[in-house]
N, C-alpha and C. Protein backbone atom coordinates (compact mmCIF):
# COMPACT_ATOMS: atom_id res chain seq x y z
N MET A 1 2.23 -13.00 -33.45
CA MET A 1 1.91 -13.55 -32.15
C MET A 1 1.15 -12.52 -31.31
N ALA A 2 1.63 -11.29 -31.25
CA ALA A 2 0.98 -10.27 -30.44
C ALA A 2 -0.40 -9.91 -30.99
N GLU A 3 -0.62 -10.12 -32.28
CA GLU A 3 -1.91 -9.79 -32.87
C GLU A 3 -3.02 -10.67 -32.31
N ASN A 4 -2.68 -11.88 -31.86
CA ASN A 4 -3.67 -12.82 -31.35
C ASN A 4 -3.92 -12.66 -29.85
N PHE A 5 -3.23 -11.75 -29.21
CA PHE A 5 -3.36 -11.56 -27.77
C PHE A 5 -4.67 -10.86 -27.45
N LYS A 6 -5.42 -11.44 -26.50
CA LYS A 6 -6.65 -10.81 -26.03
C LYS A 6 -6.56 -10.65 -24.52
N ALA A 7 -6.82 -9.46 -24.05
CA ALA A 7 -6.77 -9.19 -22.61
C ALA A 7 -7.95 -9.88 -21.92
N ILE A 8 -7.68 -10.43 -20.75
CA ILE A 8 -8.72 -11.04 -19.95
C ILE A 8 -8.99 -10.12 -18.76
N ILE A 9 -10.22 -9.69 -18.62
CA ILE A 9 -10.59 -8.80 -17.53
C ILE A 9 -11.34 -9.61 -16.48
N ILE A 10 -10.85 -9.57 -15.27
CA ILE A 10 -11.48 -10.29 -14.16
C ILE A 10 -11.92 -9.26 -13.13
N SER A 11 -13.18 -9.26 -12.79
CA SER A 11 -13.71 -8.35 -11.77
C SER A 11 -13.97 -9.13 -10.50
N ARG A 12 -13.64 -8.51 -9.38
CA ARG A 12 -13.97 -9.13 -8.10
C ARG A 12 -14.20 -8.04 -7.06
N MET A 13 -15.11 -8.32 -6.15
CA MET A 13 -15.45 -7.38 -5.09
C MET A 13 -14.38 -7.46 -4.01
N ILE A 14 -13.87 -6.32 -3.61
CA ILE A 14 -12.88 -6.24 -2.55
C ILE A 14 -13.46 -5.34 -1.46
N HIS A 15 -13.34 -5.76 -0.22
CA HIS A 15 -13.84 -4.93 0.87
C HIS A 15 -12.80 -4.86 1.98
N TRP A 16 -12.94 -3.82 2.78
CA TRP A 16 -12.02 -3.56 3.88
C TRP A 16 -12.52 -4.27 5.13
N ASN A 17 -11.66 -5.03 5.78
CA ASN A 17 -12.01 -5.69 7.04
C ASN A 17 -11.59 -4.81 8.20
N LYS A 18 -12.54 -4.45 9.04
CA LYS A 18 -12.22 -3.57 10.16
C LYS A 18 -11.47 -4.34 11.25
N PRO A 19 -10.65 -3.61 12.03
CA PRO A 19 -9.91 -4.25 13.12
C PRO A 19 -10.83 -4.57 14.30
N ASN A 20 -10.37 -5.44 15.15
CA ASN A 20 -11.12 -5.82 16.36
C ASN A 20 -11.00 -4.74 17.44
N GLY A 21 -12.01 -4.65 18.28
CA GLY A 21 -11.96 -3.75 19.43
C GLY A 21 -11.72 -2.31 19.05
N ASN A 22 -10.90 -1.64 19.84
CA ASN A 22 -10.56 -0.24 19.58
C ASN A 22 -9.22 -0.11 18.86
N ASN A 23 -8.77 -1.16 18.23
CA ASN A 23 -7.50 -1.13 17.51
C ASN A 23 -7.59 -0.30 16.24
N TRP A 24 -6.45 0.14 15.76
CA TRP A 24 -6.34 0.81 14.47
C TRP A 24 -5.89 -0.22 13.46
N LYS A 25 -6.10 0.10 12.17
CA LYS A 25 -5.63 -0.79 11.11
C LYS A 25 -4.74 0.00 10.17
N LEU A 26 -3.59 -0.59 9.85
CA LEU A 26 -2.62 0.01 8.93
C LEU A 26 -2.64 -0.78 7.63
N ASN A 27 -2.89 -0.08 6.52
CA ASN A 27 -2.78 -0.67 5.19
C ASN A 27 -1.69 0.07 4.44
N THR A 28 -0.78 -0.66 3.81
CA THR A 28 0.34 -0.03 3.11
C THR A 28 0.49 -0.60 1.70
N ASP A 29 1.23 0.13 0.88
CA ASP A 29 1.55 -0.33 -0.46
C ASP A 29 2.83 0.36 -0.91
N GLY A 30 3.58 -0.34 -1.73
CA GLY A 30 4.78 0.23 -2.32
C GLY A 30 4.73 0.03 -3.82
N SER A 31 5.42 0.88 -4.55
CA SER A 31 5.42 0.78 -6.01
C SER A 31 6.80 1.09 -6.56
N TYR A 32 7.21 0.28 -7.53
CA TYR A 32 8.50 0.48 -8.19
C TYR A 32 8.27 0.43 -9.69
N MET A 33 8.52 1.54 -10.37
CA MET A 33 8.34 1.61 -11.82
C MET A 33 9.72 1.74 -12.45
N ARG A 34 10.30 0.60 -12.80
CA ARG A 34 11.67 0.57 -13.32
C ARG A 34 11.84 1.44 -14.55
N ASN A 35 10.89 1.35 -15.49
CA ASN A 35 11.04 2.09 -16.74
C ASN A 35 10.99 3.60 -16.54
N GLN A 36 10.41 4.07 -15.45
CA GLN A 36 10.35 5.51 -15.17
C GLN A 36 11.25 5.90 -14.00
N ASN A 37 11.92 4.93 -13.41
CA ASN A 37 12.81 5.16 -12.27
C ASN A 37 12.10 5.91 -11.14
N LYS A 38 10.84 5.50 -10.87
CA LYS A 38 10.05 6.11 -9.80
C LYS A 38 9.71 5.05 -8.77
N VAL A 39 9.88 5.41 -7.50
CA VAL A 39 9.59 4.48 -6.41
C VAL A 39 8.83 5.24 -5.33
N GLY A 40 7.80 4.60 -4.78
CA GLY A 40 7.03 5.26 -3.74
C GLY A 40 6.54 4.28 -2.69
N ALA A 41 6.22 4.82 -1.53
CA ALA A 41 5.68 4.04 -0.42
C ALA A 41 4.56 4.85 0.20
N GLY A 42 3.46 4.18 0.52
CA GLY A 42 2.35 4.90 1.11
C GLY A 42 1.48 4.01 1.96
N GLY A 43 0.56 4.64 2.66
CA GLY A 43 -0.34 3.86 3.50
C GLY A 43 -1.39 4.72 4.15
N ILE A 44 -2.25 4.04 4.90
CA ILE A 44 -3.32 4.72 5.63
C ILE A 44 -3.57 3.97 6.93
N VAL A 45 -3.85 4.73 7.99
CA VAL A 45 -4.22 4.16 9.29
C VAL A 45 -5.66 4.59 9.54
N ARG A 46 -6.52 3.61 9.88
CA ARG A 46 -7.93 3.89 10.11
C ARG A 46 -8.41 3.28 11.43
N THR A 47 -9.48 3.87 11.95
CA THR A 47 -10.12 3.36 13.17
C THR A 47 -11.03 2.19 12.82
N ARG A 48 -11.63 1.63 13.85
CA ARG A 48 -12.54 0.50 13.68
C ARG A 48 -13.72 0.83 12.77
N ILE A 49 -14.18 2.08 12.81
CA ILE A 49 -15.32 2.45 11.96
C ILE A 49 -14.87 3.02 10.60
N GLY A 50 -13.58 2.98 10.34
CA GLY A 50 -13.07 3.39 9.04
C GLY A 50 -12.63 4.83 8.93
N ASP A 51 -12.72 5.59 10.03
CA ASP A 51 -12.25 6.98 9.99
C ASP A 51 -10.74 7.01 9.81
N MET A 52 -10.26 7.89 8.93
CA MET A 52 -8.83 8.01 8.68
C MET A 52 -8.15 8.75 9.83
N ILE A 53 -7.04 8.19 10.30
CA ILE A 53 -6.22 8.84 11.31
C ILE A 53 -5.07 9.56 10.62
N ILE A 54 -4.42 8.88 9.70
CA ILE A 54 -3.33 9.46 8.93
C ILE A 54 -3.19 8.70 7.61
N ALA A 55 -2.78 9.42 6.59
CA ALA A 55 -2.42 8.81 5.32
C ALA A 55 -1.06 9.38 4.95
N PHE A 56 -0.23 8.57 4.31
CA PHE A 56 1.11 9.04 3.95
C PHE A 56 1.51 8.51 2.58
N SER A 57 2.37 9.27 1.93
CA SER A 57 2.93 8.89 0.64
C SER A 57 4.29 9.56 0.51
N TYR A 58 5.31 8.76 0.24
CA TYR A 58 6.67 9.27 0.16
C TYR A 58 7.39 8.73 -1.07
N PRO A 59 8.17 9.58 -1.74
CA PRO A 59 9.10 9.03 -2.74
C PRO A 59 10.27 8.41 -1.96
N ILE A 60 10.73 7.26 -2.36
CA ILE A 60 11.84 6.60 -1.66
C ILE A 60 12.89 6.15 -2.67
N GLN A 61 14.04 5.76 -2.17
CA GLN A 61 15.12 5.25 -3.00
C GLN A 61 15.23 3.74 -2.80
N CYS A 62 15.04 2.98 -3.86
CA CYS A 62 15.25 1.53 -3.81
C CYS A 62 15.23 0.99 -5.23
N TYR A 63 15.47 -0.31 -5.37
CA TYR A 63 15.59 -0.89 -6.70
C TYR A 63 14.74 -2.13 -6.92
N THR A 64 13.81 -2.42 -6.01
CA THR A 64 12.90 -3.55 -6.21
C THR A 64 11.52 -3.21 -5.65
N ASN A 65 10.51 -3.86 -6.17
CA ASN A 65 9.16 -3.66 -5.67
C ASN A 65 9.01 -4.19 -4.25
N ASN A 66 9.63 -5.35 -3.97
CA ASN A 66 9.54 -5.91 -2.62
C ASN A 66 10.11 -4.96 -1.58
N TYR A 67 11.21 -4.29 -1.91
CA TYR A 67 11.81 -3.34 -0.98
C TYR A 67 10.88 -2.15 -0.75
N SER A 68 10.23 -1.68 -1.81
CA SER A 68 9.32 -0.54 -1.64
C SER A 68 8.12 -0.93 -0.77
N GLU A 69 7.64 -2.18 -0.91
CA GLU A 69 6.56 -2.67 -0.06
C GLU A 69 7.01 -2.72 1.40
N ALA A 70 8.22 -3.22 1.63
CA ALA A 70 8.76 -3.31 2.99
C ALA A 70 8.95 -1.92 3.60
N GLN A 71 9.43 -0.98 2.80
CA GLN A 71 9.62 0.39 3.30
C GLN A 71 8.29 1.02 3.69
N ALA A 72 7.25 0.78 2.90
CA ALA A 72 5.93 1.32 3.23
C ALA A 72 5.45 0.78 4.57
N ALA A 73 5.64 -0.53 4.78
CA ALA A 73 5.24 -1.14 6.05
C ALA A 73 6.06 -0.57 7.21
N LEU A 74 7.35 -0.40 7.00
CA LEU A 74 8.23 0.14 8.05
C LEU A 74 7.83 1.56 8.43
N ILE A 75 7.55 2.39 7.45
CA ILE A 75 7.13 3.77 7.72
C ILE A 75 5.83 3.77 8.53
N GLY A 76 4.87 2.97 8.11
CA GLY A 76 3.58 2.91 8.80
C GLY A 76 3.69 2.37 10.21
N ILE A 77 4.43 1.29 10.38
CA ILE A 77 4.60 0.69 11.71
C ILE A 77 5.34 1.65 12.64
N SER A 78 6.37 2.31 12.12
CA SER A 78 7.12 3.28 12.93
C SER A 78 6.21 4.40 13.41
N TRP A 79 5.35 4.91 12.52
CA TRP A 79 4.43 5.97 12.92
C TRP A 79 3.49 5.48 14.01
N CYS A 80 2.94 4.27 13.84
CA CYS A 80 2.00 3.72 14.84
C CYS A 80 2.68 3.54 16.20
N LEU A 81 3.91 3.08 16.20
CA LEU A 81 4.63 2.87 17.46
C LEU A 81 4.92 4.18 18.18
N ASP A 82 5.05 5.26 17.42
CA ASP A 82 5.33 6.58 18.01
C ASP A 82 4.10 7.21 18.65
N GLN A 83 2.93 6.67 18.40
CA GLN A 83 1.69 7.27 18.91
C GLN A 83 1.41 6.86 20.33
């Protein structure tokens, strides 16, 4: 069965949408690799013209990918609120 498996590669253009006005934009991501027991949360805050204000990456403790995604958002939002 596995011998007949063929990978399908799909390419698509992805672009960053800038925020309105003088607002900043926060993009975050979380990752959970069960087989390696590694979990991380990270993100970036950028200005309207795309200049980086801060980027962050942290190892975290959790047991699901959804939780790591939520933690990344929480870290980023908390930082933005403190500014």
